[in-house]
Amino acid sequence: GGAGEESPLDFLSSIFKQGTPAPEVAEWADMYLVLGSTCQELPTLRLLAEAAPTKPIVFFNLKLDTLRGDLGLPGFPPKAVHHEFLCRVMPVYYMRPRSYSLSLSVPPFLIAYSGVLFRRYPEGYQTLLDKGRTNYRRVNVETERPNLGGFKAQLTTALKLDDEQAEKSAISQAGYKQSTWWEDDAKGLDISTDWRK
């Protein structure tokens, strides 16, 4: 096949990623506002940040924790996108609701509970226990974002079971892993800790 001829394998270009498109820098803009992004678009946003380093980029409701979870999977951008770019994104407003259950060896045998990890800059990260009817009790505040296992432990401790026997019989499903790969940064690859602040 010469130039301009179709190949029987051309359909693969629509299935597999062909690279990251270069972003267009808007010289007239004082800042950028990103209202939504897929995991596949994160490398382009990284290139935008590198092409216009003096212009702030505001990421609004991207659910970065969900997007980070896809990094490194087949067909998705590498984990380096977090280590070299997303780790520099400082959460100004953060709200992550989570639901858990606590097993007891005495009645009621199972307690469902939930809470929210909340942050409004410049305040710290608040662990809020859901008391029902949209009422929350603040149980802890930290300057750095706790990992999900730490957040769950804070909520579990805050339950304060009334029955002493029930409290002694509580079995929290801690599991083997208490944090995500990006919370661990086990190899020290993050170039910044801003995402925790």
Protein backbone atom coordinates (compact mmCIF):
# COMPACT_ATOMS: atom_id res chain seq x y z
CA GLY A 1 0.00 0.00 0.00
CA GLY A 2 1.05 3.42 -1.05
CA ALA A 3 0.11 6.74 0.46
CA GLY A 4 -3.62 7.38 0.53
CA GLU A 5 -4.56 3.71 0.26
CA GLU A 6 -6.80 2.23 2.91
CA SER A 7 -5.45 -0.57 5.03
CA PRO A 8 -7.62 -3.44 6.26
CA LEU A 9 -6.34 -2.56 9.76
CA ASP A 10 -7.49 1.09 9.69
CA PHE A 11 -10.39 0.23 12.01
CA LEU A 12 -7.85 -0.26 14.81
CA SER A 13 -7.16 3.48 14.87
CA SER A 14 -10.68 4.04 16.15
CA ILE A 15 -10.25 1.46 18.90
CA PHE A 16 -6.81 2.26 20.26
CA LYS A 17 -5.65 5.62 21.47
CA GLN A 18 -3.53 7.49 18.94
CA GLY A 19 -1.80 9.88 21.33
CA THR A 20 -2.67 13.02 23.20
CA PRO A 21 -3.83 15.97 21.10
CA ALA A 22 -2.04 19.25 21.73
CA PRO A 23 -4.35 21.76 23.43
CA GLU A 24 -5.02 25.18 21.99
CA VAL A 25 -3.77 27.85 24.38
CA ALA A 26 -6.14 30.82 24.59
CA GLU A 27 -3.70 33.71 24.97
CA TRP A 28 -6.55 36.07 25.86
CA ALA A 29 -7.70 33.98 28.84
CA ASP A 30 -6.63 34.84 32.38
CA MET A 31 -7.57 31.36 33.60
CA TYR A 32 -9.15 28.12 32.43
CA LEU A 33 -12.29 26.51 33.82
CA VAL A 34 -12.69 22.77 33.18
CA LEU A 35 -16.26 21.64 33.77
CA GLY A 36 -15.87 17.99 32.92
CA SER A 37 -13.25 15.56 31.75
CA THR A 38 -12.78 11.89 31.07
CA CYS A 39 -9.74 9.97 32.15
CA GLN A 40 -8.61 9.95 28.51
CA GLU A 41 -8.58 13.78 28.46
CA LEU A 42 -6.36 14.20 31.54
CA PRO A 43 -3.09 14.08 29.53
CA THR A 44 -4.40 16.93 27.34
CA LEU A 45 -5.17 18.97 30.46
CA ARG A 46 -1.65 18.25 31.65
CA LEU A 47 -0.28 19.58 28.35
CA LEU A 48 -2.45 22.69 28.75
CA ALA A 49 -1.03 23.30 32.23
CA GLU A 50 2.50 22.92 30.85
CA ALA A 51 1.80 25.18 27.84
CA ALA A 52 0.33 27.96 30.01
CA PRO A 53 2.04 27.55 33.40
CA THR A 54 1.09 31.02 34.70
CA LYS A 55 -2.64 30.61 34.08
CA PRO A 56 -4.65 28.92 36.83
CA ILE A 57 -6.83 25.98 35.85
CA VAL A 58 -9.96 25.41 37.90
CA PHE A 59 -11.27 21.84 37.73
CA PHE A 60 -14.94 21.77 38.63
CA ASN A 61 -16.61 18.50 39.64
CA LEU A 62 -14.23 16.20 37.78
CA LYS A 63 -14.45 13.42 40.36
CA LEU A 64 -10.69 13.09 40.19
CA ASP A 65 -10.66 10.16 42.64
CA THR A 66 -12.72 8.12 40.19
CA LEU A 67 -10.56 9.19 37.25
CA ARG A 68 -7.36 8.40 39.18
CA GLY A 69 -8.66 4.88 39.76
CA ASP A 70 -8.62 4.24 36.00
CA LEU A 71 -5.05 5.42 35.48
CA GLY A 72 -2.70 2.61 34.55
CA LEU A 73 -5.43 0.27 33.35
CA PRO A 74 -5.21 -1.09 29.79
CA GLY A 75 -6.37 1.54 27.30
CA PHE A 76 -6.11 4.36 29.86
CA PRO A 77 -3.38 6.93 30.51
CA PRO A 78 -0.48 5.86 32.75
CA LYS A 79 -0.29 6.46 36.50
CA ALA A 80 2.37 9.07 35.73
CA VAL A 81 -0.53 11.46 34.97
CA HIS A 82 -1.21 11.52 38.72
CA HIS A 83 2.42 11.46 39.87
CA GLU A 84 3.47 14.30 37.54
CA PHE A 85 0.29 16.36 37.18
CA LEU A 86 -2.79 15.55 39.28
CA CYS A 87 -0.75 15.53 42.49
CA ARG A 88 -0.35 19.30 41.95
CA VAL A 89 -4.13 19.92 41.85
CA MET A 90 -5.19 21.38 45.20
CA PRO A 91 -8.77 20.58 46.27
CA VAL A 92 -10.58 23.80 47.17
CA TYR A 93 -13.97 22.19 47.64
CA TYR A 94 -14.15 18.45 48.24
CA MET A 95 -17.05 16.26 49.28
CA ARG A 96 -16.87 12.46 49.19
CA PRO A 97 -19.75 10.51 50.75
CA ARG A 98 -19.09 6.91 51.80
CA SER A 99 -21.26 4.17 53.31
CA TYR A 100 -20.06 1.31 55.49
CA SER A 101 -21.39 -1.42 57.77
CA LEU A 102 -20.23 -2.74 61.13
CA SER A 103 -20.87 -6.36 62.13
CA LEU A 104 -21.74 -7.20 65.73
CA SER A 105 -21.95 -10.59 67.42
CA VAL A 106 -24.99 -9.40 69.39
CA PRO A 107 -28.27 -7.82 68.22
CA PRO A 108 -28.75 -5.80 66.03
CA PHE A 109 -25.85 -7.75 64.39
CA LEU A 110 -25.30 -5.18 61.65
CA ILE A 111 -25.07 -1.39 61.81
CA ALA A 112 -25.07 0.62 58.60
CA TYR A 113 -23.42 4.01 58.84
CA SER A 114 -22.19 6.67 56.49
CA GLY A 115 -20.30 9.89 56.44
CA VAL A 116 -18.68 12.52 54.31
CA LEU A 117 -15.09 13.60 53.89
CA PHE A 118 -15.53 17.34 53.40
CA ARG A 119 -13.17 20.19 52.68
CA ARG A 120 -13.69 23.89 51.93
CA TYR A 121 -10.41 25.73 51.44
CA PRO A 122 -8.61 27.01 53.50
CA GLU A 123 -10.21 24.81 56.17
CA GLY A 124 -8.96 21.30 56.86
CA TYR A 125 -10.50 17.98 55.87
CA GLN A 126 -13.51 17.25 58.05
CA THR A 127 -14.77 13.76 58.82
CA LEU A 128 -18.54 14.09 59.19
CA LEU A 129 -20.70 11.27 60.58
CA ASP A 130 -24.19 11.14 59.08
CA LYS A 131 -26.77 11.31 61.89
CA GLY A 132 -29.69 11.00 59.46
CA ARG A 133 -32.07 13.56 57.97
CA THR A 134 -29.14 15.46 56.44
CA ASN A 135 -27.61 16.12 59.85
CA TYR A 136 -23.90 15.55 60.32
CA ARG A 137 -21.62 15.51 63.34
CA ARG A 138 -18.03 16.57 62.83
CA VAL A 139 -15.78 13.96 64.40
CA ASN A 140 -12.35 15.03 63.19
CA VAL A 141 -10.48 17.72 61.26
CA GLU A 142 -7.08 17.19 59.65
CA THR A 143 -4.82 19.56 57.74
CA GLU A 144 -3.96 16.81 55.25
CA ARG A 145 -6.46 14.55 53.55
CA PRO A 146 -6.74 11.16 55.28
CA ASN A 147 -6.72 8.00 53.19
CA LEU A 148 -10.03 6.16 52.88
CA GLY A 149 -9.05 3.62 55.55
CA GLY A 150 -8.27 6.40 58.03
CA PHE A 151 -11.53 8.14 57.20
CA LYS A 152 -13.49 4.91 57.78
CA ALA A 153 -11.70 4.30 61.10
CA GLN A 154 -12.60 7.82 62.27
CA LEU A 155 -16.27 7.23 61.43
CA THR A 156 -16.29 3.81 63.09
CA THR A 157 -14.75 5.19 66.29
CA ALA A 158 -17.31 8.00 66.32
CA LEU A 159 -20.25 5.57 66.36
CA LYS A 160 -19.95 5.24 70.17
CA LEU A 161 -22.11 2.17 70.59
CA ASP A 162 -24.40 2.45 73.64
CA ASP A 163 -24.14 -1.20 74.66
CA GLU A 164 -20.71 -2.12 76.09
CA GLN A 165 -21.14 -5.72 74.96
CA ALA A 166 -22.00 -4.55 71.44
CA GLU A 167 -18.94 -2.29 71.39
CA LYS A 168 -16.67 -5.19 72.38
CA SER A 169 -18.21 -7.43 69.71
CA ALA A 170 -17.86 -4.94 66.87
CA ILE A 171 -16.07 -6.37 63.87
CA SER A 172 -15.06 -3.75 61.36
CA GLN A 173 -14.31 -5.07 57.91
CA ALA A 174 -10.91 -3.42 57.62
CA GLY A 175 -9.54 -5.65 54.89
CA TYR A 176 -6.00 -5.93 53.62
CA LYS A 177 -5.73 -2.60 51.81
CA GLN A 178 -6.71 0.62 53.57
CA SER A 179 -5.72 3.09 50.88
CA THR A 180 -5.53 3.55 47.14
CA TRP A 181 -2.30 3.44 45.13
CA TRP A 182 -2.25 7.23 44.78
CA GLU A 183 -2.79 7.72 48.51
CA ASP A 184 0.16 5.44 49.23
CA ASP A 185 2.72 6.87 46.79
CA ALA A 186 4.82 3.91 47.91
CA LYS A 187 7.60 4.65 45.42
CA GLY A 188 7.72 8.38 46.15
CA LEU A 189 6.84 9.34 42.57
CA ASP A 190 4.54 12.30 43.34
CA ILE A 191 6.27 15.57 42.48
CA SER A 192 3.94 17.45 44.86
CA THR A 193 1.72 16.83 47.89
CA ASP A 194 -0.69 19.66 46.99
CA TRP A 195 -3.53 17.21 46.33
CA ARG A 196 -3.41 16.22 50.03
CA LYS A 197 -3.40 19.80 51.36
